[in-house]
Amino acid sequence: MRKVIGGKLHGIRVTEANLDYHGSITLDPEHCEAAGILPLEFVEIWNKNSGARISTYVILGERGSRCCIVNGAAARTCQPGDELIICSSVYMPGESIAGHSPAVVTLDASNHIDETLRYSVSMDDAGRYRFAILDEAGTGLKIPLRSRSGKMR
């Protein structure tokens, strides 16, 4: 089994850091649904401001609140306004990765969903893995990939 990305909230801003709560991260259910993140699921959190990397579980806040509240000991690693990447994981056999297409939800400075992208892994005719980042419709290449030489693929 391999641990791979299940879904990601990219650029969400901390709205509150609550040291006296029982741990966890409180998120707007709309954000979680868009990224495929479940309540009580463990997530990795990467703070783009401080570089802190923590692991905790998700609890749901008020729908539509756009909240991102870091609770308990993790509150010491984040301040309101810090920009986070929150990533869930799934385990799957390596050969199952082709066809896996997790959501990557980007957020603006007010925690409104900016866009939803999809990572896409497929196999070419020679049996090699191909990777792309797809637009919201899941049909077009959103971000072209470059080879090691810097040339477009």
N, C-alpha and C. Protein backbone atom coordinates (compact mmCIF):
# COMPACT_ATOMS: atom_id res chain seq x y z
N MET A 1 0.84 -1.18 0.00
CA MET A 1 0.00 0.00 0.00
C MET A 1 0.89 1.24 0.00
N ARG A 2 0.43 2.23 -0.74
CA ARG A 2 1.13 3.51 -0.80
C ARG A 2 0.24 4.61 -0.23
N LYS A 3 0.84 5.55 0.47
CA LYS A 3 0.11 6.70 1.00
C LYS A 3 0.18 7.80 -0.05
N VAL A 4 -0.98 8.23 -0.53
CA VAL A 4 -1.04 9.28 -1.56
C VAL A 4 -2.05 10.34 -1.15
N ILE A 5 -2.00 11.46 -1.83
CA ILE A 5 -2.91 12.57 -1.52
C ILE A 5 -4.36 12.15 -1.78
N GLY A 6 -5.22 12.51 -0.83
CA GLY A 6 -6.65 12.25 -0.98
C GLY A 6 -7.39 13.49 -1.41
N GLY A 7 -6.96 14.64 -0.92
CA GLY A 7 -7.55 15.94 -1.25
C GLY A 7 -6.76 17.02 -0.57
N LYS A 8 -6.89 18.26 -1.07
CA LYS A 8 -6.06 19.33 -0.51
C LYS A 8 -6.79 20.65 -0.54
N LEU A 9 -6.65 21.40 0.58
CA LEU A 9 -7.07 22.80 0.66
C LEU A 9 -5.78 23.61 0.60
N HIS A 10 -5.62 24.40 -0.44
CA HIS A 10 -4.37 25.12 -0.66
C HIS A 10 -4.58 26.62 -0.49
N GLY A 11 -3.88 27.20 0.49
CA GLY A 11 -3.93 28.64 0.70
C GLY A 11 -5.04 29.09 1.63
N ILE A 12 -5.58 28.18 2.43
CA ILE A 12 -6.62 28.57 3.39
C ILE A 12 -5.95 29.37 4.51
N ARG A 13 -6.62 30.42 4.97
CA ARG A 13 -6.06 31.28 6.02
C ARG A 13 -6.64 30.91 7.39
N VAL A 14 -5.78 30.90 8.40
CA VAL A 14 -6.20 30.64 9.78
C VAL A 14 -7.09 31.80 10.22
N THR A 15 -8.27 31.47 10.73
CA THR A 15 -9.19 32.49 11.24
C THR A 15 -9.10 32.64 12.75
N GLU A 16 -8.61 31.58 13.42
CA GLU A 16 -8.50 31.62 14.88
C GLU A 16 -7.53 30.53 15.32
N ALA A 17 -6.80 30.77 16.40
CA ALA A 17 -5.96 29.77 17.03
C ALA A 17 -6.44 29.65 18.47
N ASN A 18 -6.97 28.48 18.85
CA ASN A 18 -7.63 28.28 20.13
C ASN A 18 -6.85 27.26 20.97
N LEU A 19 -5.92 27.75 21.77
CA LEU A 19 -5.06 26.90 22.57
C LEU A 19 -5.84 26.06 23.58
N ASP A 20 -6.95 26.56 24.10
CA ASP A 20 -7.67 25.90 25.17
C ASP A 20 -8.69 24.87 24.71
N TYR A 21 -8.80 24.62 23.39
CA TYR A 21 -9.72 23.60 22.91
C TYR A 21 -9.00 22.25 22.90
N HIS A 22 -9.72 21.17 22.70
CA HIS A 22 -9.21 19.81 22.83
C HIS A 22 -8.36 19.31 21.67
N GLY A 23 -7.83 20.14 20.85
CA GLY A 23 -7.06 19.67 19.71
C GLY A 23 -7.90 19.71 18.45
N SER A 24 -7.33 19.37 17.34
CA SER A 24 -8.00 19.29 16.04
C SER A 24 -7.88 20.58 15.25
N ILE A 25 -8.50 20.58 14.08
CA ILE A 25 -8.66 21.77 13.26
C ILE A 25 -10.14 21.83 12.87
N THR A 26 -10.75 22.99 13.06
CA THR A 26 -12.15 23.19 12.73
C THR A 26 -12.23 23.83 11.35
N LEU A 27 -12.96 23.18 10.44
CA LEU A 27 -13.06 23.67 9.06
C LEU A 27 -14.52 23.79 8.64
N ASP A 28 -14.77 24.70 7.72
CA ASP A 28 -16.08 24.87 7.11
C ASP A 28 -16.42 23.59 6.34
N PRO A 29 -17.59 22.98 6.57
CA PRO A 29 -17.97 21.77 5.84
C PRO A 29 -17.94 21.94 4.32
N GLU A 30 -18.23 23.14 3.82
CA GLU A 30 -18.20 23.36 2.38
C GLU A 30 -16.79 23.18 1.82
N HIS A 31 -15.79 23.63 2.56
CA HIS A 31 -14.40 23.45 2.13
C HIS A 31 -14.05 21.97 2.14
N CYS A 32 -14.43 21.28 3.21
CA CYS A 32 -14.13 19.85 3.33
C CYS A 32 -14.78 19.06 2.21
N GLU A 33 -16.02 19.33 1.92
CA GLU A 33 -16.73 18.62 0.86
C GLU A 33 -16.06 18.85 -0.49
N ALA A 34 -15.64 20.08 -0.76
CA ALA A 34 -15.01 20.40 -2.04
C ALA A 34 -13.70 19.63 -2.22
N ALA A 35 -12.97 19.41 -1.11
CA ALA A 35 -11.68 18.72 -1.18
C ALA A 35 -11.78 17.23 -0.89
N GLY A 36 -12.95 16.75 -0.51
CA GLY A 36 -13.11 15.34 -0.17
C GLY A 36 -12.51 14.97 1.17
N ILE A 37 -12.49 15.91 2.10
CA ILE A 37 -11.96 15.67 3.44
C ILE A 37 -13.13 15.38 4.38
N LEU A 38 -13.01 14.32 5.17
CA LEU A 38 -14.10 13.86 6.03
C LEU A 38 -13.92 14.35 7.47
N PRO A 39 -15.04 14.50 8.21
CA PRO A 39 -14.91 14.80 9.64
C PRO A 39 -14.19 13.66 10.34
N LEU A 40 -13.33 14.01 11.30
CA LEU A 40 -12.51 13.10 12.09
C LEU A 40 -11.34 12.50 11.32
N GLU A 41 -11.20 12.84 10.05
CA GLU A 41 -10.07 12.37 9.25
C GLU A 41 -8.79 13.08 9.69
N PHE A 42 -7.71 12.33 9.76
CA PHE A 42 -6.42 12.94 10.05
C PHE A 42 -5.91 13.64 8.80
N VAL A 43 -5.33 14.81 9.00
CA VAL A 43 -4.77 15.60 7.90
C VAL A 43 -3.39 16.11 8.30
N GLU A 44 -2.60 16.37 7.28
CA GLU A 44 -1.32 17.04 7.46
C GLU A 44 -1.57 18.52 7.21
N ILE A 45 -0.92 19.36 8.00
CA ILE A 45 -1.06 20.82 7.86
C ILE A 45 0.33 21.40 7.71
N TRP A 46 0.50 22.19 6.66
CA TRP A 46 1.78 22.84 6.39
C TRP A 46 1.54 24.34 6.42
N ASN A 47 2.22 25.03 7.34
CA ASN A 47 2.05 26.47 7.50
C ASN A 47 3.06 27.18 6.59
N LYS A 48 2.55 27.89 5.58
CA LYS A 48 3.42 28.57 4.63
C LYS A 48 4.13 29.76 5.25
N ASN A 49 3.60 30.30 6.35
CA ASN A 49 4.23 31.44 6.99
C ASN A 49 5.39 31.02 7.90
N SER A 50 5.16 30.00 8.73
CA SER A 50 6.16 29.62 9.73
C SER A 50 6.98 28.40 9.33
N GLY A 51 6.49 27.62 8.38
CA GLY A 51 7.16 26.38 8.02
C GLY A 51 6.77 25.21 8.90
N ALA A 52 5.91 25.43 9.91
CA ALA A 52 5.49 24.35 10.80
C ALA A 52 4.72 23.29 10.02
N ARG A 53 4.94 22.04 10.41
CA ARG A 53 4.24 20.91 9.80
C ARG A 53 3.64 20.11 10.95
N ILE A 54 2.32 19.96 10.95
CA ILE A 54 1.64 19.26 12.03
C ILE A 54 0.63 18.28 11.46
N SER A 55 0.19 17.39 12.30
CA SER A 55 -0.84 16.41 11.95
C SER A 55 -1.93 16.50 13.02
N THR A 56 -3.17 16.52 12.59
CA THR A 56 -4.30 16.52 13.52
C THR A 56 -5.52 16.00 12.78
N TYR A 57 -6.67 16.04 13.44
CA TYR A 57 -7.90 15.56 12.82
C TYR A 57 -8.87 16.71 12.61
N VAL A 58 -9.82 16.51 11.71
CA VAL A 58 -10.77 17.55 11.31
C VAL A 58 -12.06 17.43 12.09
N ILE A 59 -12.55 18.57 12.57
CA ILE A 59 -13.93 18.67 13.05
C ILE A 59 -14.61 19.75 12.21
N LEU A 60 -15.91 19.62 12.08
CA LEU A 60 -16.65 20.55 11.23
C LEU A 60 -17.16 21.73 12.03
N GLY A 61 -16.98 22.91 11.46
CA GLY A 61 -17.51 24.14 12.03
C GLY A 61 -18.83 24.49 11.38
N GLU A 62 -19.17 25.76 11.43
CA GLU A 62 -20.42 26.24 10.88
C GLU A 62 -20.33 26.32 9.36
N ARG A 63 -21.33 25.75 8.69
CA ARG A 63 -21.39 25.78 7.23
C ARG A 63 -21.44 27.22 6.74
N GLY A 64 -20.59 27.54 5.77
CA GLY A 64 -20.56 28.86 5.19
C GLY A 64 -19.74 29.88 5.96
N SER A 65 -19.14 29.46 7.07
CA SER A 65 -18.37 30.39 7.91
C SER A 65 -16.98 30.69 7.36
N ARG A 66 -16.48 29.83 6.49
CA ARG A 66 -15.13 29.92 5.92
C ARG A 66 -14.06 29.83 7.02
N CYS A 67 -14.40 29.17 8.13
CA CYS A 67 -13.49 29.09 9.28
C CYS A 67 -12.34 28.13 9.03
N CYS A 68 -11.25 28.41 9.68
CA CYS A 68 -10.08 27.53 9.76
C CYS A 68 -9.47 27.80 11.13
N ILE A 69 -9.91 27.02 12.12
CA ILE A 69 -9.53 27.25 13.51
C ILE A 69 -8.58 26.13 13.95
N VAL A 70 -7.37 26.50 14.28
CA VAL A 70 -6.38 25.54 14.75
C VAL A 70 -6.51 25.45 16.27
N ASN A 71 -6.74 24.24 16.78
CA ASN A 71 -7.08 24.03 18.17
C ASN A 71 -5.99 23.29 18.94
N GLY A 72 -6.00 23.46 20.26
CA GLY A 72 -5.10 22.73 21.15
C GLY A 72 -3.65 23.09 20.93
N ALA A 73 -2.77 22.13 21.15
CA ALA A 73 -1.32 22.38 21.06
C ALA A 73 -0.92 22.92 19.69
N ALA A 74 -1.62 22.51 18.65
CA ALA A 74 -1.30 23.00 17.29
C ALA A 74 -1.49 24.50 17.17
N ALA A 75 -2.30 25.09 18.06
CA ALA A 75 -2.53 26.54 18.01
C ALA A 75 -1.24 27.31 18.25
N ARG A 76 -0.26 26.68 18.89
CA ARG A 76 1.02 27.36 19.09
C ARG A 76 1.82 27.50 17.79
N THR A 77 1.44 26.75 16.76
CA THR A 77 2.19 26.76 15.50
C THR A 77 1.58 27.69 14.45
N CYS A 78 0.41 28.24 14.72
CA CYS A 78 -0.32 29.03 13.72
C CYS A 78 -0.91 30.29 14.35
N GLN A 79 -0.92 31.35 13.59
CA GLN A 79 -1.53 32.61 14.00
C GLN A 79 -2.64 32.97 13.02
N PRO A 80 -3.67 33.69 13.47
CA PRO A 80 -4.69 34.15 12.52
C PRO A 80 -4.03 34.89 11.36
N GLY A 81 -4.47 34.54 10.17
CA GLY A 81 -3.92 35.12 8.95
C GLY A 81 -2.87 34.25 8.28
N ASP A 82 -2.27 33.30 9.01
CA ASP A 82 -1.29 32.40 8.40
C ASP A 82 -1.94 31.61 7.27
N GLU A 83 -1.19 31.38 6.23
CA GLU A 83 -1.67 30.63 5.07
C GLU A 83 -1.24 29.17 5.21
N LEU A 84 -2.21 28.26 5.10
CA LEU A 84 -1.97 26.84 5.29
C LEU A 84 -2.24 26.04 4.03
N ILE A 85 -1.62 24.87 3.98
CA ILE A 85 -1.97 23.81 3.05
C ILE A 85 -2.43 22.66 3.93
N ILE A 86 -3.63 22.16 3.69
CA ILE A 86 -4.18 21.05 4.47
C ILE A 86 -4.41 19.90 3.51
N CYS A 87 -3.82 18.75 3.82
CA CYS A 87 -3.83 17.62 2.89
C CYS A 87 -4.28 16.34 3.59
N SER A 88 -5.26 15.68 2.99
CA SER A 88 -5.66 14.36 3.48
C SER A 88 -4.93 13.29 2.66
N SER A 89 -4.93 12.08 3.17
CA SER A 89 -4.24 10.98 2.50
C SER A 89 -5.16 9.78 2.35
N VAL A 90 -4.85 8.96 1.40
CA VAL A 90 -5.50 7.67 1.24
C VAL A 90 -4.42 6.63 0.98
N TYR A 91 -4.70 5.39 1.32
CA TYR A 91 -3.78 4.30 1.05
C TYR A 91 -4.35 3.47 -0.08
N MET A 92 -3.49 3.13 -1.03
CA MET A 92 -3.93 2.30 -2.15
C MET A 92 -2.74 1.52 -2.70
N PRO A 93 -3.02 0.41 -3.35
CA PRO A 93 -1.92 -0.31 -4.02
C PRO A 93 -1.31 0.59 -5.09
N GLY A 94 -0.01 0.56 -5.24
CA GLY A 94 0.68 1.40 -6.21
C GLY A 94 0.11 1.30 -7.61
N GLU A 95 -0.28 0.11 -8.00
CA GLU A 95 -0.81 -0.07 -9.36
C GLU A 95 -2.19 0.57 -9.54
N SER A 96 -2.81 1.00 -8.45
CA SER A 96 -4.13 1.64 -8.54
C SER A 96 -4.05 3.16 -8.72
N ILE A 97 -2.84 3.72 -8.72
CA ILE A 97 -2.70 5.17 -8.78
C ILE A 97 -3.23 5.74 -10.09
N ALA A 98 -3.07 5.01 -11.19
CA ALA A 98 -3.60 5.50 -12.47
C ALA A 98 -5.12 5.57 -12.35
N GLY A 99 -5.65 6.72 -12.64
CA GLY A 99 -7.09 6.95 -12.51
C GLY A 99 -7.45 7.68 -11.22
N HIS A 100 -6.53 7.77 -10.28
CA HIS A 100 -6.77 8.53 -9.04
C HIS A 100 -6.74 10.02 -9.39
N SER A 101 -7.73 10.76 -8.92
CA SER A 101 -7.84 12.17 -9.30
C SER A 101 -8.33 13.02 -8.12
N PRO A 102 -7.45 13.27 -7.13
CA PRO A 102 -7.86 14.03 -5.97
C PRO A 102 -8.10 15.51 -6.28
N ALA A 103 -9.00 16.13 -5.52
CA ALA A 103 -9.31 17.55 -5.67
C ALA A 103 -8.26 18.40 -4.96
N VAL A 104 -7.91 19.51 -5.60
CA VAL A 104 -7.03 20.52 -5.02
C VAL A 104 -7.82 21.82 -5.05
N VAL A 105 -8.27 22.25 -3.86
CA VAL A 105 -9.12 23.43 -3.75
C VAL A 105 -8.25 24.61 -3.34
N THR A 106 -8.20 25.64 -4.18
CA THR A 106 -7.45 26.84 -3.83
C THR A 106 -8.41 27.87 -3.27
N LEU A 107 -7.92 28.63 -2.28
CA LEU A 107 -8.76 29.62 -1.61
C LEU A 107 -8.12 30.99 -1.70
N ASP A 108 -8.96 32.03 -1.69
CA ASP A 108 -8.46 33.40 -1.71
C ASP A 108 -8.17 33.87 -0.28
N ALA A 109 -7.77 35.11 -0.12
CA ALA A 109 -7.38 35.65 1.18
C ALA A 109 -8.53 35.71 2.18
N SER A 110 -9.79 35.60 1.71
CA SER A 110 -10.96 35.60 2.59
C SER A 110 -11.53 34.20 2.77
N ASN A 111 -10.79 33.19 2.35
CA ASN A 111 -11.21 31.78 2.43
C ASN A 111 -12.43 31.46 1.58
N HIS A 112 -12.62 32.21 0.50
CA HIS A 112 -13.61 31.82 -0.50
C HIS A 112 -12.91 30.86 -1.46
N ILE A 113 -13.63 29.86 -1.92
CA ILE A 113 -13.05 28.93 -2.89
C ILE A 113 -12.78 29.69 -4.18
N ASP A 114 -11.52 29.66 -4.61
CA ASP A 114 -11.10 30.34 -5.83
C ASP A 114 -11.30 29.41 -7.02
N GLU A 115 -10.76 28.20 -6.93
CA GLU A 115 -10.97 27.21 -7.99
C GLU A 115 -10.71 25.82 -7.44
N THR A 116 -11.21 24.85 -8.15
CA THR A 116 -10.98 23.46 -7.81
C THR A 116 -10.27 22.82 -9.00
N LEU A 117 -9.10 22.31 -8.73
CA LEU A 117 -8.31 21.61 -9.73
C LEU A 117 -8.32 20.13 -9.41
N ARG A 118 -7.82 19.32 -10.30
CA ARG A 118 -7.69 17.89 -10.05
C ARG A 118 -6.31 17.44 -10.49
N TYR A 119 -5.67 16.66 -9.63
CA TYR A 119 -4.45 15.98 -10.05
C TYR A 119 -4.91 14.75 -10.83
N SER A 120 -4.21 14.44 -11.89
CA SER A 120 -4.58 13.30 -12.71
C SER A 120 -3.35 12.45 -13.00
N VAL A 121 -3.45 11.17 -12.70
CA VAL A 121 -2.39 10.22 -13.01
C VAL A 121 -2.95 9.21 -14.00
N SER A 122 -2.21 8.98 -15.06
CA SER A 122 -2.62 8.00 -16.07
C SER A 122 -1.37 7.25 -16.54
N MET A 123 -1.60 6.26 -17.39
CA MET A 123 -0.49 5.49 -17.97
C MET A 123 -0.50 5.73 -19.47
N ASP A 124 0.70 5.90 -20.04
CA ASP A 124 0.77 6.03 -21.49
C ASP A 124 0.87 4.64 -22.12
N ASP A 125 0.95 4.60 -23.44
CA ASP A 125 0.98 3.32 -24.15
C ASP A 125 2.21 2.49 -23.82
N ALA A 126 3.27 3.13 -23.36
CA ALA A 126 4.49 2.41 -23.00
C ALA A 126 4.49 1.97 -21.53
N GLY A 127 3.39 2.23 -20.80
CA GLY A 127 3.29 1.82 -19.41
C GLY A 127 3.97 2.76 -18.43
N ARG A 128 4.22 4.00 -18.88
CA ARG A 128 4.83 5.00 -18.00
C ARG A 128 3.74 5.89 -17.42
N TYR A 129 3.98 6.35 -16.19
CA TYR A 129 3.03 7.25 -15.55
C TYR A 129 3.07 8.62 -16.19
N ARG A 130 1.90 9.23 -16.30
CA ARG A 130 1.76 10.61 -16.77
C ARG A 130 1.01 11.37 -15.68
N PHE A 131 1.38 12.62 -15.46
CA PHE A 131 0.77 13.45 -14.43
C PHE A 131 0.32 14.75 -15.05
N ALA A 132 -0.86 15.22 -14.65
CA ALA A 132 -1.36 16.50 -15.13
C ALA A 132 -2.20 17.15 -14.04
N ILE A 133 -2.32 18.45 -14.13
CA ILE A 133 -3.21 19.21 -13.26
C ILE A 133 -4.33 19.72 -14.14
N LEU A 134 -5.56 19.30 -13.85
CA LEU A 134 -6.69 19.58 -14.70
C LEU A 134 -7.52 20.74 -14.16
N ASP A 135 -8.22 21.41 -15.06
CA ASP A 135 -9.10 22.52 -14.67
C ASP A 135 -10.35 21.98 -14.00
N GLU A 136 -11.25 22.89 -13.62
CA GLU A 136 -12.45 22.50 -12.86
C GLU A 136 -13.32 21.49 -13.59
N ALA A 137 -13.36 21.56 -14.91
CA ALA A 137 -14.16 20.61 -15.67
C ALA A 137 -13.48 19.25 -15.75
N GLY A 138 -12.19 19.20 -15.39
CA GLY A 138 -11.46 17.95 -15.44
C GLY A 138 -11.08 17.54 -16.84
N THR A 139 -11.13 18.47 -17.77
CA THR A 139 -10.89 18.10 -19.16
C THR A 139 -9.61 18.68 -19.75
N GLY A 140 -9.22 19.87 -19.32
CA GLY A 140 -8.07 20.51 -19.96
C GLY A 140 -6.90 20.63 -19.03
N LEU A 141 -5.73 20.66 -19.58
CA LEU A 141 -4.52 20.83 -18.80
C LEU A 141 -4.49 22.24 -18.26
N LYS A 142 -4.49 22.39 -16.95
CA LYS A 142 -4.48 23.69 -16.31
C LYS A 142 -3.06 24.24 -16.24
N ILE A 143 -2.12 23.42 -15.80
CA ILE A 143 -0.74 23.85 -15.65
C ILE A 143 0.14 22.92 -16.46
N PRO A 144 0.74 23.42 -17.52
CA PRO A 144 1.61 22.54 -18.32
C PRO A 144 2.82 22.10 -17.52
N LEU A 145 3.23 20.88 -17.75
CA LEU A 145 4.38 20.33 -17.04
C LEU A 145 5.63 20.50 -17.88
N ARG A 146 6.76 20.67 -17.20
CA ARG A 146 8.05 20.85 -17.88
C ARG A 146 8.92 19.63 -17.60
N SER A 147 9.73 19.31 -18.57
CA SER A 147 10.69 18.23 -18.38
C SER A 147 11.90 18.77 -17.63
N ARG A 148 12.86 17.92 -17.32
CA ARG A 148 14.06 18.38 -16.62
C ARG A 148 14.80 19.44 -17.41
N SER A 149 14.71 19.39 -18.73
CA SER A 149 15.41 20.37 -19.56
C SER A 149 14.68 21.71 -19.59
N GLY A 150 13.46 21.76 -19.00
CA GLY A 150 12.68 22.99 -18.99
C GLY A 150 11.75 23.12 -20.17
N LYS A 151 11.80 22.13 -21.09
CA LYS A 151 10.92 22.19 -22.26
C LYS A 151 9.53 21.70 -21.90
N MET A 152 8.53 22.27 -22.54
CA MET A 152 7.15 21.87 -22.30
C MET A 152 6.93 20.45 -22.81
N ARG A 153 6.10 19.70 -22.09
CA ARG A 153 5.73 18.35 -22.52
C ARG A 153 4.30 18.36 -23.02
